[in-house]
Amino acid sequence: MSPIYIDETAGSDTTGKGSQEEPYQSLALAVFNHGEGAAFQIRKSPEATYDEPTQSSLKKAKKNAGSIEKKKKKQEELAEREAKEKGEEKDRREKLLEESKKIVLEEDSSLPKATKAKIEHLGDLRSKRVRVFGWVHRLRQQKDIIFIVVRDGTGYLQTVLSGRVAQTYQALTLTLESSVEVVGTLQEVPEGKTAPGGHELIVDYWQVVGAAPGADDAFTNRLNEKSDPSIQADLRHLVLRGETASSVLRLRAYLLSAFRESLTSESLIEVTPPCLVQTQVEGGATLFKLDYYGQPAFLTQSSQLYLETCLPSLGDVFCVQESFRAENSHTRRHLSEYTHLEAELAFITFNDLMAHIEEIICKTVDSLLANPTSAALIKQLNPNFQVPARPFMRLSYVDAIKWLNDHGIKHPAEDAEGNPIKGEDGQVQMVEHKVGDDIAEAAERQMTDIIGTPIFLHGFPAELKAFYMKKVPTEPGATGPVFTESCDLLMPNVGEIVGGSMRIADMEELLAAYKREGIDPEPYYWFTDQRKYGTCEHGGYGLGVERFLAWLANRFTVRECSLYPRWPGRATP
């Protein structure tokens, strides 16, 4: 008879088989599995040698083996009882389901006619009979009562099913995200109880409109809060049904309305420029190119040039339009397609432009907070939101460079091609900022977060900005960098949300800018004509709606602030 091996350190009572290669860990289990008459070899650890167990250890093991046997017997009895109970419960469930199929609900025609209403309009219909359509958002069964929270896009409604209406086959098999029709009397919730809107629907008739699957294909099995981000992106159409995602999009709708209200109150008129263009605004490297009936064309980077053409006929104008940037960036504030709120204003100065941007931002925030619905959404999503203090801080580009260096905020050294320079230790070398550097996003955000208030960063070097930006006048013969009348509005936790500038008003200066940038002026004839036929000092700006919403709603990434966000590698669903 082969001996049974026990290693008290390296053995296992779970996977061990009693062989020398797979020993048990305890002598008790070895005795239990192989009986008292087996030959045992035991050791304390792999470093020790196997030997026969002592009589006292064998006696103790026999006693413990008896306990194991009793425990195993008890577990078997428990498992048998649970299996029996499950079987009985299954039988009861199947019998109940069969009985439930006999119950057919019909709406009682003797009751008052139900008023069909959206959930947000139910406040004036208490004590009345109403009809609501929506989706099962939450589902809870308590004894013979079923509580269903119904969602219809305008709000949430708690419904209560009891008696026959809770005993139908549809009631017993109801699943989350099924669409339903519920009819009943709307009542104020009892004192001490809470429900959305402060009322609940006592259902007297209901039906499933479209059943959602259960089991493996149930909604919560496909998507939940622990789902991987890539899965959440693939299932964005289902993510939108969640309370947070839908609240962000609802706030976005109020935000756009508030912006339009603010802009029109400042005598700006909305226009709709084209998305298919044959000119560039922000540089050719970030253009999405396409074939347009045999001609080269692009998806617009900005509607600014078209807005400028509207000034002589419509006055100050704005648009809310999609813009596209073929920029292979995966940061949390970049999208390949984003909603661009842009405006152009005539007969203004650079100070007028920054004052206007500040006024629109603050007026829009005030409008949102004055509306109880949008204010509640902001409080839900960003409980610590504070109205930005006015006036906004104004910080020149040159002073920002000094601030960064004074606070020890450095940036990676780069070679002529823009590649990071590494030291002998293989680490990227960090160097101080200097005038002429394009302040990186990380440094810019760090500065903004430390200062903690909105900042107009202004006066960027001309070589860092677009060809159409007006330059700050310099003395004749002056040397050194040439700066522009340009600004970025930086917000804590997000960074840049607005970029603006005064535009070149002189035609000869604009033609020189085309030449300097290597741009063929011919396709821009219509833009150049604005300087030819009655030019004026004018300026404008572009605001990233998703970035602004990320700031307002305290979202980690702008991807949460778009209905179906697009970034490099993502164009579905």
Protein backbone atom coordinates (compact mmCIF):
# COMPACT_ATOMS: atom_id res chain seq x y z
CA MET A 1 0.00 0.00 0.00
CA SER A 2 1.44 3.39 -1.01
CA PRO A 3 1.87 5.80 1.88
CA ILE A 4 -0.28 8.92 2.16
CA TYR A 5 1.79 12.12 2.29
CA ILE A 6 1.08 15.23 4.41
CA ASP A 7 3.10 18.48 4.19
CA GLU A 8 1.87 20.89 6.87
CA THR A 9 3.35 23.93 5.06
CA ALA A 10 3.29 23.29 1.31
CA GLY A 11 0.42 20.79 1.16
CA SER A 12 -3.23 21.57 0.37
CA ASP A 13 -6.48 20.22 1.75
CA THR A 14 -8.25 21.68 -1.26
CA THR A 15 -6.24 20.31 -4.19
CA GLY A 16 -4.05 17.74 -2.45
CA LYS A 17 -4.40 14.06 -3.36
CA GLY A 18 -2.07 12.49 -0.77
CA SER A 19 0.73 11.77 -3.24
CA GLN A 20 4.29 12.92 -2.71
CA GLU A 21 3.84 15.48 -5.50
CA GLU A 22 0.43 16.68 -4.22
CA PRO A 23 0.36 16.14 -0.44
CA TYR A 24 -2.41 17.03 1.98
CA GLN A 25 -1.86 19.82 4.47
CA SER A 26 -3.56 18.21 7.51
CA LEU A 27 -3.32 14.70 8.92
CA ALA A 28 -7.00 14.90 9.91
CA LEU A 29 -8.18 15.13 6.30
CA ALA A 30 -5.81 12.34 5.27
CA VAL A 31 -7.33 10.08 7.96
CA PHE A 32 -10.85 11.12 6.95
CA ASN A 33 -10.25 10.35 3.25
CA HIS A 34 -8.18 7.15 3.58
CA GLY A 35 -9.15 5.64 6.94
CA GLU A 36 -7.16 4.93 10.10
CA GLY A 37 -5.41 1.87 8.63
CA ALA A 38 -3.53 3.77 5.92
CA ALA A 39 0.21 4.38 6.14
CA PHE A 40 0.95 8.06 6.64
CA GLN A 41 4.12 10.07 6.03
CA ILE A 42 4.17 13.64 7.44
CA ARG A 43 6.57 16.57 7.57
CA LYS A 44 6.50 20.13 8.84
CA SER A 45 7.82 21.79 5.65
CA PRO A 46 9.46 20.96 2.28
CA GLU A 47 12.87 21.38 3.98
CA ALA A 48 12.14 18.55 6.44
CA THR A 49 12.03 14.80 5.70
CA TYR A 50 8.88 12.68 5.76
CA ASP A 51 8.32 10.48 8.81
CA GLU A 52 5.50 8.53 10.43
CA PRO A 53 3.18 10.63 12.62
CA THR A 54 3.43 10.29 16.39
CA GLN A 55 0.72 8.39 18.25
CA SER A 56 -0.55 11.58 19.91
CA SER A 57 -0.82 13.44 16.58
CA LEU A 58 -2.55 10.42 15.02
CA LYS A 59 -5.02 10.26 17.93
CA LYS A 60 -5.77 13.97 17.58
CA ALA A 61 -6.17 13.57 13.79
CA LYS A 62 -8.70 10.74 14.27
CA LYS A 63 -10.75 12.99 16.56
CA ASN A 64 -10.64 15.86 14.06
CA ALA A 65 -11.51 13.46 11.23
CA GLY A 66 -14.73 12.68 13.09
CA SER A 67 -15.53 16.39 13.22
CA ILE A 68 -14.89 16.65 9.49
CA GLU A 69 -17.27 13.76 8.88
CA LYS A 70 -19.99 15.39 10.99
CA LYS A 71 -19.44 18.73 9.24
CA LYS A 72 -19.56 17.11 5.80
CA LYS A 73 -22.73 15.23 6.70
CA LYS A 74 -24.29 18.45 7.94
CA GLN A 75 -23.31 20.26 4.72
CA GLU A 76 -24.79 17.45 2.62
CA GLU A 77 -28.04 17.62 4.61
CA LEU A 78 -28.10 21.40 4.22
CA ALA A 79 -27.42 21.18 0.48
CA GLU A 80 -30.13 18.54 0.14
CA ARG A 81 -32.61 20.72 2.05
CA GLU A 82 -31.73 23.80 -0.02
CA ALA A 83 -32.07 21.83 -3.24
CA LYS A 84 -35.45 20.58 -2.07
CA GLU A 85 -36.56 24.08 -1.11
CA LYS A 86 -35.35 25.45 -4.43
CA GLY A 87 -37.22 22.72 -6.22
CA GLU A 88 -40.35 23.46 -4.22
CA GLU A 89 -39.89 27.20 -4.84
CA LYS A 90 -39.44 26.53 -8.55
CA ASP A 91 -42.59 24.44 -8.57
CA ARG A 92 -44.48 27.16 -6.70
CA ARG A 93 -43.13 29.77 -9.11
CA GLU A 94 -44.14 27.75 -12.16
CA LYS A 95 -47.59 27.10 -10.70
CA LEU A 96 -47.94 30.81 -9.88
CA LEU A 97 -46.92 31.76 -13.41
CA GLU A 98 -49.43 29.34 -14.90
CA GLU A 99 -52.18 30.73 -12.67
CA SER A 100 -51.14 34.29 -13.54
CA LYS A 101 -51.74 33.64 -17.24
CA LYS A 102 -55.44 33.29 -16.47
CA ILE A 103 -55.60 36.85 -15.15
CA VAL A 104 -56.44 39.26 -17.96
CA LEU A 105 -56.52 42.95 -17.09
CA GLU A 106 -59.05 45.22 -18.74
CA GLU A 107 -59.34 48.91 -18.16
CA ASP A 108 -62.44 49.73 -16.12
CA SER A 109 -64.62 51.95 -18.32
CA SER A 110 -66.69 53.01 -15.30
CA LEU A 111 -63.71 54.90 -13.85
CA PRO A 112 -63.03 58.53 -14.80
CA LYS A 113 -61.21 58.90 -18.10
CA ALA A 114 -57.44 59.00 -17.59
CA THR A 115 -55.49 62.06 -18.76
CA LYS A 116 -52.43 61.18 -20.80
CA ALA A 117 -49.47 63.19 -19.51
CA LYS A 118 -45.72 63.43 -19.38
CA ILE A 119 -44.23 62.88 -15.93
CA GLU A 120 -42.98 66.48 -15.61
CA HIS A 121 -46.57 67.74 -16.00
CA LEU A 122 -48.14 65.55 -13.31
CA GLY A 123 -47.90 68.15 -10.53
CA ASP A 124 -51.30 69.65 -11.39
CA LEU A 125 -53.01 66.25 -11.77
CA ARG A 126 -52.89 64.95 -8.21
CA SER A 127 -56.00 63.06 -7.10
CA LYS A 128 -56.85 62.56 -10.76
CA ARG A 129 -56.63 59.49 -12.95
CA VAL A 130 -53.68 59.69 -15.37
CA ARG A 131 -52.05 57.62 -18.11
CA VAL A 132 -48.25 57.56 -18.41
CA PHE A 133 -45.94 55.79 -20.85
CA GLY A 134 -42.29 55.11 -20.09
CA TRP A 135 -39.56 52.62 -19.25
CA VAL A 136 -39.01 50.54 -16.11
CA HIS A 137 -36.15 52.34 -14.39
CA ARG A 138 -36.29 50.54 -11.05
CA LEU A 139 -38.22 47.48 -9.92
CA ARG A 140 -38.85 46.17 -6.41
CA GLN A 141 -41.22 43.49 -5.11
CA GLN A 142 -42.33 43.62 -1.49
CA LYS A 143 -44.64 40.77 -0.48
CA ASP A 144 -47.69 41.21 -2.72
CA ILE A 145 -46.87 44.74 -3.81
CA ILE A 146 -44.69 45.73 -6.78
CA PHE A 147 -43.02 49.14 -6.87
CA ILE A 148 -41.98 50.35 -10.32
CA VAL A 149 -40.14 53.61 -10.96
CA VAL A 150 -41.08 54.63 -14.49
CA ARG A 151 -38.89 56.96 -16.59
CA ASP A 152 -40.20 58.84 -19.62
CA GLY A 153 -37.35 61.27 -20.33
CA THR A 154 -39.05 64.19 -18.57
CA GLY A 155 -38.81 62.72 -15.07
CA TYR A 156 -39.35 59.71 -12.81
CA LEU A 157 -42.63 58.38 -11.37
CA GLN A 158 -43.08 55.83 -8.60
CA THR A 159 -45.96 53.48 -9.36
CA VAL A 160 -47.57 50.99 -6.99
CA LEU A 161 -49.10 47.70 -8.17
CA SER A 162 -51.15 45.62 -5.74
CA GLY A 163 -53.98 43.10 -5.90
CA ARG A 164 -54.90 41.72 -9.33
CA VAL A 165 -52.70 44.20 -11.25
CA ALA A 166 -49.66 42.75 -9.44
CA GLN A 167 -50.65 39.13 -10.08
CA THR A 168 -50.60 39.04 -13.89
CA TYR A 169 -48.02 37.11 -15.89
CA GLN A 170 -46.54 40.40 -17.13
CA ALA A 171 -46.20 41.64 -13.54
CA LEU A 172 -44.44 38.48 -12.35
CA THR A 173 -42.02 38.44 -15.30
CA LEU A 174 -41.43 42.20 -15.64
CA THR A 175 -37.81 43.24 -16.33
CA LEU A 176 -35.82 46.46 -16.12
CA GLU A 177 -35.97 48.70 -19.21
CA SER A 178 -39.23 47.20 -20.47
CA SER A 179 -41.52 49.90 -21.84
CA VAL A 180 -44.90 50.12 -20.12
CA GLU A 181 -48.22 51.93 -20.02
CA VAL A 182 -49.48 52.64 -16.49
CA VAL A 183 -52.90 54.03 -15.57
CA GLY A 184 -54.16 54.97 -12.14
CA THR A 185 -54.80 57.66 -9.56
CA LEU A 186 -51.99 60.06 -8.71
CA GLN A 187 -51.66 60.52 -4.97
CA GLU A 188 -49.39 62.51 -2.71
CA VAL A 189 -46.97 60.20 -0.91
CA PRO A 190 -47.82 59.49 2.75
CA GLU A 191 -46.12 61.64 5.37
CA GLY A 192 -42.61 60.41 6.13
CA LYS A 193 -42.28 58.73 2.72
CA THR A 194 -40.43 60.08 -0.32
CA ALA A 195 -40.85 59.63 -4.06
CA PRO A 196 -39.86 61.63 -7.16
CA GLY A 197 -42.15 64.65 -7.42
CA GLY A 198 -43.65 63.91 -4.01
CA HIS A 199 -46.39 61.70 -5.46
CA GLU A 200 -46.99 58.13 -6.62
CA LEU A 201 -49.38 56.42 -9.00
CA ILE A 202 -51.77 53.83 -7.56
CA VAL A 203 -52.18 51.64 -10.63
CA ASP A 204 -55.56 50.19 -11.63
CA TYR A 205 -54.57 49.15 -15.15
CA TRP A 206 -51.25 48.66 -16.92
CA GLN A 207 -49.56 46.72 -19.67
CA VAL A 208 -46.14 45.98 -21.10
CA VAL A 209 -45.60 47.78 -24.41
CA GLY A 210 -42.21 46.27 -25.19
CA ALA A 211 -40.62 43.62 -22.98
CA ALA A 212 -36.85 43.76 -22.30
CA PRO A 213 -34.99 40.44 -21.97
CA GLY A 214 -33.99 38.93 -18.65
CA ALA A 215 -31.49 36.21 -17.67
CA ASP A 216 -28.09 36.41 -19.42
CA ASP A 217 -29.20 39.20 -21.77
CA ALA A 218 -30.70 41.33 -18.99
CA PHE A 219 -29.85 45.04 -19.08
CA THR A 220 -27.75 44.90 -15.89
CA ASN A 221 -25.75 41.95 -17.25
CA ARG A 222 -24.80 43.91 -20.36
CA LEU A 223 -24.02 47.16 -18.58
CA ASN A 224 -23.39 48.33 -15.03
CA GLU A 225 -21.31 50.93 -13.21
CA LYS A 226 -18.29 48.57 -13.10
CA SER A 227 -18.27 47.96 -16.85
CA ASP A 228 -14.98 48.63 -18.66
CA PRO A 229 -14.82 52.08 -20.35
CA SER A 230 -14.53 50.46 -23.79
CA ILE A 231 -17.74 48.51 -23.13
CA GLN A 232 -19.45 51.67 -21.93
CA ALA A 233 -18.36 53.39 -25.15
CA ASP A 234 -19.73 50.52 -27.28
CA LEU A 235 -22.99 50.61 -25.30
CA ARG A 236 -23.30 54.39 -25.16
CA HIS A 237 -26.90 54.03 -26.36
CA LEU A 238 -27.65 52.16 -23.12
CA VAL A 239 -25.43 54.34 -20.91
CA LEU A 240 -27.66 57.27 -21.89
CA ARG A 241 -30.53 55.66 -19.95
CA GLY A 242 -28.66 56.19 -16.66
CA GLU A 243 -29.55 59.04 -14.33
CA THR A 244 -26.14 60.75 -14.53
CA ALA A 245 -25.69 60.53 -18.32
CA SER A 246 -29.23 61.73 -19.01
CA SER A 247 -28.86 64.57 -16.47
CA VAL A 248 -25.68 65.77 -18.19
CA LEU A 249 -27.42 65.83 -21.57
CA ARG A 250 -30.49 67.51 -20.11
CA LEU A 251 -28.26 70.21 -18.60
CA ARG A 252 -26.54 70.54 -21.99
CA ALA A 253 -29.91 71.36 -23.57
CA TYR A 254 -30.61 74.04 -20.96
CA LEU A 255 -27.07 75.37 -21.42
CA LEU A 256 -27.49 75.83 -25.17
CA SER A 257 -30.82 77.59 -24.64
CA ALA A 258 -29.26 79.87 -22.02
CA PHE A 259 -26.35 80.71 -24.32
CA ARG A 260 -28.73 81.60 -27.14
CA GLU A 261 -30.78 83.75 -24.77
CA SER A 262 -27.65 85.55 -23.52
CA LEU A 263 -26.29 86.17 -27.01
CA THR A 264 -29.56 87.43 -28.46
CA SER A 265 -29.96 89.75 -25.46
CA GLU A 266 -26.64 91.32 -26.56
CA SER A 267 -28.07 91.87 -30.09
CA LEU A 268 -26.32 88.93 -31.75
CA ILE A 269 -28.24 86.99 -34.38
CA GLU A 270 -27.80 83.26 -35.01
CA VAL A 271 -26.69 81.99 -38.42
CA THR A 272 -25.90 78.52 -39.76
CA PRO A 273 -22.60 78.29 -41.67
CA PRO A 274 -21.64 75.24 -43.77
CA CYS A 275 -19.72 72.23 -42.46
CA LEU A 276 -18.32 71.34 -45.91
CA VAL A 277 -15.58 73.83 -46.79
CA GLN A 278 -12.59 74.34 -49.08
CA THR A 279 -10.56 76.61 -46.81
CA GLN A 280 -8.65 76.10 -43.58
CA VAL A 281 -8.82 78.16 -40.38
CA GLU A 282 -6.54 76.52 -37.80
CA GLY A 283 -3.87 74.88 -39.99
CA GLY A 284 -3.91 72.05 -42.51
CA ALA A 285 -2.54 69.36 -40.21
CA THR A 286 -5.87 68.95 -38.39
CA LEU A 287 -8.18 68.93 -41.41
CA PHE A 288 -10.44 65.99 -42.28
CA LYS A 289 -10.09 65.78 -46.05
CA LEU A 290 -12.74 64.34 -48.41
CA ASP A 291 -13.60 64.15 -52.08
CA TYR A 292 -16.42 66.55 -52.93
CA TYR A 293 -17.66 65.64 -56.42
CA GLY A 294 -14.09 65.42 -57.67
CA GLN A 295 -12.89 68.49 -55.77
CA PRO A 296 -10.86 68.54 -52.53
CA ALA A 297 -12.92 69.64 -49.52
CA PHE A 298 -12.75 69.49 -45.75
CA LEU A 299 -14.93 69.23 -42.67
CA THR A 300 -14.88 72.64 -41.04
CA GLN A 301 -12.44 73.42 -38.23
CA SER A 302 -14.26 76.63 -37.40
CA SER A 303 -17.06 78.77 -38.82
CA GLN A 304 -15.25 82.01 -38.00
CA LEU A 305 -14.46 83.07 -41.57
CA TYR A 306 -18.11 82.71 -42.60
CA LEU A 307 -19.29 84.60 -39.52
CA GLU A 308 -17.07 87.53 -40.49
CA THR A 309 -18.86 87.78 -43.85
CA CYS A 310 -22.17 88.30 -42.03
CA LEU A 311 -21.13 91.41 -40.08
CA PRO A 312 -21.91 94.01 -42.82
CA SER A 313 -25.40 92.58 -43.43
CA LEU A 314 -26.59 91.12 -40.12
CA GLY A 315 -24.42 92.86 -37.56
CA ASP A 316 -22.94 90.84 -34.71
CA VAL A 317 -23.59 87.12 -35.23
CA PHE A 318 -23.08 83.74 -33.62
CA CYS A 319 -23.50 80.08 -34.51
CA VAL A 320 -23.76 76.77 -32.70
CA GLN A 321 -22.15 74.35 -35.13
CA GLU A 322 -20.13 71.15 -35.14
CA SER A 323 -16.40 71.57 -35.76
CA PHE A 324 -13.93 68.83 -36.62
CA ARG A 325 -10.24 68.44 -35.75
CA ALA A 326 -8.15 65.57 -37.14
CA GLU A 327 -5.88 65.76 -34.11
CA ASN A 328 -4.64 62.41 -32.78
CA SER A 329 -5.18 63.44 -29.18
CA HIS A 330 -6.58 61.21 -26.45
CA THR A 331 -6.65 63.73 -23.59
CA ARG A 332 -9.78 64.07 -21.48
CA ARG A 333 -10.57 67.48 -22.99
CA HIS A 334 -10.22 66.67 -26.70
CA LEU A 335 -12.79 65.40 -29.21
CA SER A 336 -12.52 64.89 -32.97
CA GLU A 337 -16.01 66.36 -33.37
CA TYR A 338 -17.33 68.94 -30.95
CA THR A 339 -20.03 71.57 -30.64
CA HIS A 340 -18.51 74.96 -31.33
CA LEU A 341 -20.26 78.12 -30.18
CA GLU A 342 -18.67 80.94 -32.15
CA ALA A 343 -19.38 84.65 -32.38
CA GLU A 344 -18.08 87.67 -34.33
CA LEU A 345 -18.54 91.30 -33.35
CA ALA A 346 -17.88 94.48 -35.36
CA PHE A 347 -16.52 97.88 -34.30
CA ILE A 348 -14.98 96.66 -31.05
CA THR A 349 -11.63 96.82 -29.25
CA PHE A 350 -9.72 93.92 -27.68
CA ASN A 351 -10.91 94.97 -24.23
CA ASP A 352 -14.49 95.07 -25.54
CA LEU A 353 -14.06 91.50 -26.77
CA MET A 354 -12.89 90.13 -23.40
CA ALA A 355 -15.60 92.08 -21.57
CA HIS A 356 -18.22 90.61 -23.93
CA ILE A 357 -16.99 87.03 -23.40
CA GLU A 358 -17.09 87.51 -19.61
CA GLU A 359 -20.59 88.98 -19.80
CA ILE A 360 -21.93 86.09 -21.92
CA ILE A 361 -20.38 83.46 -19.62
CA CYS A 362 -21.73 85.03 -16.43
CA LYS A 363 -25.13 85.90 -17.87
CA THR A 364 -25.52 82.29 -19.06
CA VAL A 365 -24.56 80.85 -15.65
CA ASP A 366 -26.93 83.27 -13.89
CA SER A 367 -29.74 82.23 -16.24
CA LEU A 368 -29.15 78.53 -15.54
CA LEU A 369 -29.15 79.08 -11.78
CA ALA A 370 -32.32 81.18 -11.98
CA ASN A 371 -34.16 78.29 -13.65
CA PRO A 372 -35.23 75.78 -10.93
CA THR A 373 -34.86 72.79 -13.26
CA SER A 374 -31.38 73.56 -14.59
CA ALA A 375 -30.28 74.76 -11.13
CA ALA A 376 -31.33 71.38 -9.69
CA LEU A 377 -29.34 69.57 -12.38
CA ILE A 378 -26.22 71.61 -11.56
CA LYS A 379 -26.67 70.88 -7.86
CA GLN A 380 -27.12 67.16 -8.60
CA LEU A 381 -24.04 66.91 -10.82
CA ASN A 382 -21.80 69.49 -9.16
CA PRO A 383 -22.94 70.14 -5.56
CA ASN A 384 -19.97 72.42 -4.86
CA PHE A 385 -20.42 74.64 -7.93
CA GLN A 386 -19.69 78.29 -7.28
CA VAL A 387 -20.52 81.22 -9.54
CA PRO A 388 -17.25 82.61 -10.97
CA ALA A 389 -16.20 85.87 -9.32
CA ARG A 390 -16.06 88.96 -11.52
CA PRO A 391 -14.09 90.57 -12.99
CA PHE A 392 -12.15 87.65 -14.47
CA MET A 393 -8.41 87.80 -13.88
CA ARG A 394 -6.39 89.03 -16.89
CA LEU A 395 -2.88 87.59 -17.22
CA SER A 396 -0.59 88.37 -20.13
CA TYR A 397 1.30 85.56 -21.84
CA VAL A 398 4.64 87.09 -20.75
CA ASP A 399 3.49 87.33 -17.12
CA ALA A 400 2.22 83.74 -17.30
CA ILE A 401 5.69 82.56 -18.36
CA LYS A 402 7.15 84.36 -15.34
CA TRP A 403 4.45 82.92 -13.03
CA LEU A 404 5.18 79.36 -14.18
CA ASN A 405 8.92 79.78 -13.58
CA ASP A 406 8.36 81.45 -10.20
CA HIS A 407 6.25 78.46 -9.14
CA GLY A 408 8.68 75.83 -10.42
CA ILE A 409 6.35 74.51 -13.13
CA LYS A 410 8.55 73.23 -15.95
CA HIS A 411 7.94 71.56 -19.30
CA PRO A 412 9.72 68.79 -21.29
CA ALA A 413 12.68 69.95 -23.38
CA GLU A 414 12.12 69.36 -27.10
CA ASP A 415 14.32 69.14 -30.18
CA ALA A 416 13.66 70.99 -33.45
CA GLU A 417 11.11 68.36 -34.50
CA GLY A 418 9.22 68.64 -31.23
CA ASN A 419 10.45 65.33 -29.78
CA PRO A 420 11.20 65.15 -26.02
CA ILE A 421 14.89 65.29 -25.14
CA LYS A 422 16.04 62.62 -22.69
CA GLY A 423 19.03 62.79 -20.35
CA GLU A 424 21.69 60.14 -19.75
CA ASP A 425 19.39 58.51 -17.19
CA GLY A 426 16.74 58.00 -19.87
CA GLN A 427 14.36 60.47 -18.23
CA VAL A 428 12.82 63.38 -20.16
CA GLN A 429 14.63 66.62 -19.32
CA MET A 430 12.43 69.29 -17.73
CA VAL A 431 13.26 72.94 -18.42
CA GLU A 432 11.90 76.36 -17.49
CA HIS A 433 9.48 78.19 -19.78
CA LYS A 434 10.66 81.05 -21.94
CA VAL A 435 8.92 83.63 -24.10
CA GLY A 436 8.09 81.97 -27.41
CA ASP A 437 7.14 78.62 -25.86
CA ASP A 438 3.68 77.26 -26.51
CA ILE A 439 2.48 76.73 -22.92
CA ALA A 440 1.54 73.06 -22.69
CA GLU A 441 -1.88 71.92 -21.52
CA ALA A 442 -0.50 70.33 -18.33
CA ALA A 443 1.31 73.50 -17.22
CA GLU A 444 -1.63 75.69 -18.20
CA ARG A 445 -4.07 73.59 -16.19
CA GLN A 446 -1.74 73.41 -13.20
CA MET A 447 -1.48 77.19 -13.15
CA THR A 448 -5.25 77.62 -13.50
CA ASP A 449 -6.00 75.13 -10.72
CA ILE A 450 -3.52 76.81 -8.35
CA ILE A 451 -4.93 80.29 -9.02
CA GLY A 452 -8.43 78.81 -8.76
CA THR A 453 -10.39 81.44 -10.71
CA PRO A 454 -11.23 82.09 -14.38
CA ILE A 455 -8.24 83.60 -16.20
CA PHE A 456 -8.04 85.53 -19.47
CA LEU A 457 -4.59 84.52 -20.73
CA HIS A 458 -3.84 87.08 -23.46
CA GLY A 459 -1.21 88.45 -25.80
CA PHE A 460 0.23 85.28 -27.36
CA PRO A 461 3.22 85.44 -29.76
CA ALA A 462 2.20 85.70 -33.41
CA GLU A 463 4.10 82.54 -34.42
CA LEU A 464 1.91 80.48 -32.06
CA LYS A 465 -1.40 81.76 -33.43
CA ALA A 466 -3.48 81.61 -36.62
CA PHE A 467 -2.76 83.80 -39.65
CA TYR A 468 -5.87 86.00 -39.27
CA MET A 469 -5.12 87.37 -35.77
CA LYS A 470 -4.38 91.06 -35.32
CA LYS A 471 -0.89 91.91 -34.05
CA VAL A 472 -0.21 94.24 -31.15
CA PRO A 473 1.24 97.47 -32.64
CA THR A 474 5.00 97.92 -32.08
CA GLU A 475 7.32 100.91 -32.31
CA PRO A 476 9.14 101.33 -35.65
CA GLY A 477 12.45 99.45 -35.61
CA ALA A 478 11.52 97.50 -32.47
CA THR A 479 13.01 94.02 -32.16
CA GLY A 480 11.83 90.99 -30.23
CA PRO A 481 8.68 88.88 -30.34
CA VAL A 482 5.53 90.16 -32.02
CA PHE A 483 2.41 89.54 -29.96
CA THR A 484 -1.24 89.28 -30.96
CA GLU A 485 -4.51 90.63 -29.58
CA SER A 486 -5.59 87.12 -28.65
CA CYS A 487 -6.91 85.46 -25.52
CA ASP A 488 -7.81 82.10 -24.03
CA LEU A 489 -10.30 81.85 -21.17
CA LEU A 490 -9.08 79.25 -18.70
CA MET A 491 -11.36 77.59 -16.13
CA PRO A 492 -10.23 75.59 -13.06
CA ASN A 493 -10.36 71.78 -13.49
CA VAL A 494 -10.84 72.07 -17.27
CA GLY A 495 -8.38 74.57 -18.74
CA GLU A 496 -9.12 76.45 -21.94
CA ILE A 497 -12.82 76.75 -22.79
CA VAL A 498 -12.73 79.84 -25.02
CA GLY A 499 -10.25 81.06 -27.60
CA GLY A 500 -10.66 84.51 -29.15
CA SER A 501 -8.88 87.36 -30.88
CA MET A 502 -9.19 90.53 -32.82
CA ARG A 503 -8.96 89.91 -36.57
CA ILE A 504 -6.72 91.54 -39.16
CA ALA A 505 -8.76 94.45 -40.59
CA ASP A 506 -6.29 95.70 -43.23
CA MET A 507 -6.35 93.93 -46.62
CA GLU A 508 -2.63 94.34 -47.34
CA GLU A 509 -1.76 92.94 -43.91
CA LEU A 510 -4.06 89.97 -44.56
CA LEU A 511 -2.48 89.28 -47.95
CA ALA A 512 0.95 89.36 -46.29
CA ALA A 513 -0.30 86.88 -43.69
CA TYR A 514 -1.44 84.49 -46.46
CA LYS A 515 2.01 84.72 -48.02
CA ARG A 516 3.84 84.21 -44.73
CA GLU A 517 1.84 81.03 -44.00
CA GLY A 518 2.15 79.71 -47.57
CA ILE A 519 -1.62 79.94 -48.12
CA ASP A 520 -3.00 80.44 -51.64
CA PRO A 521 -5.23 83.54 -51.35
CA GLU A 522 -7.43 82.54 -54.29
CA PRO A 523 -9.83 80.24 -52.39
CA TYR A 524 -10.15 82.97 -49.73
CA TYR A 525 -11.32 85.68 -52.16
CA TRP A 526 -14.65 86.01 -50.38
CA PHE A 527 -12.91 86.40 -47.01
CA THR A 528 -10.45 88.99 -48.38
CA ASP A 529 -13.37 90.97 -49.85
CA GLN A 530 -14.50 91.80 -46.30
CA ARG A 531 -11.42 94.04 -46.05
CA LYS A 532 -11.95 95.43 -49.55
CA TYR A 533 -15.55 96.55 -49.22
CA GLY A 534 -15.70 98.54 -46.02
CA THR A 535 -13.39 97.03 -43.42
CA CYS A 536 -13.68 97.62 -39.68
CA GLU A 537 -12.06 96.58 -36.42
CA HIS A 538 -13.68 93.33 -35.42
CA GLY A 539 -13.07 90.25 -33.31
CA GLY A 540 -14.59 87.00 -32.23
CA TYR A 541 -14.22 83.80 -30.28
CA GLY A 542 -15.01 80.11 -30.18
CA LEU A 543 -16.29 78.28 -27.11
CA GLY A 544 -16.16 74.49 -26.74
CA VAL A 545 -19.62 73.54 -25.46
CA GLU A 546 -18.46 70.16 -24.15
CA ARG A 547 -15.58 71.76 -22.22
CA PHE A 548 -17.87 74.39 -20.75
CA LEU A 549 -20.34 71.68 -19.72
CA ALA A 550 -17.53 69.62 -18.18
CA TRP A 551 -16.66 72.65 -16.04
CA LEU A 552 -20.27 73.38 -15.13
CA ALA A 553 -21.21 69.76 -14.31
CA ASN A 554 -17.81 68.74 -12.89
CA ARG A 555 -17.29 65.92 -15.39
CA PHE A 556 -13.90 64.20 -15.60
CA THR A 557 -13.86 64.13 -19.41
CA VAL A 558 -15.59 65.97 -22.24
CA ARG A 559 -16.61 62.56 -23.58
CA GLU A 560 -19.35 62.52 -20.95
CA CYS A 561 -20.68 65.81 -22.31
CA SER A 562 -21.39 64.68 -25.88
CA LEU A 563 -24.32 62.56 -27.02
CA TYR A 564 -22.12 60.18 -29.03
CA PRO A 565 -18.51 61.36 -28.57
CA ARG A 566 -15.98 60.97 -31.34
CA TRP A 567 -12.26 60.65 -30.68
CA PRO A 568 -9.39 58.94 -32.56
CA GLY A 569 -10.44 55.33 -33.19
CA ARG A 570 -14.04 55.86 -32.04
CA ALA A 571 -16.83 56.52 -34.55
CA THR A 572 -19.45 54.10 -33.19
CA PRO A 573 -22.21 53.73 -32.29
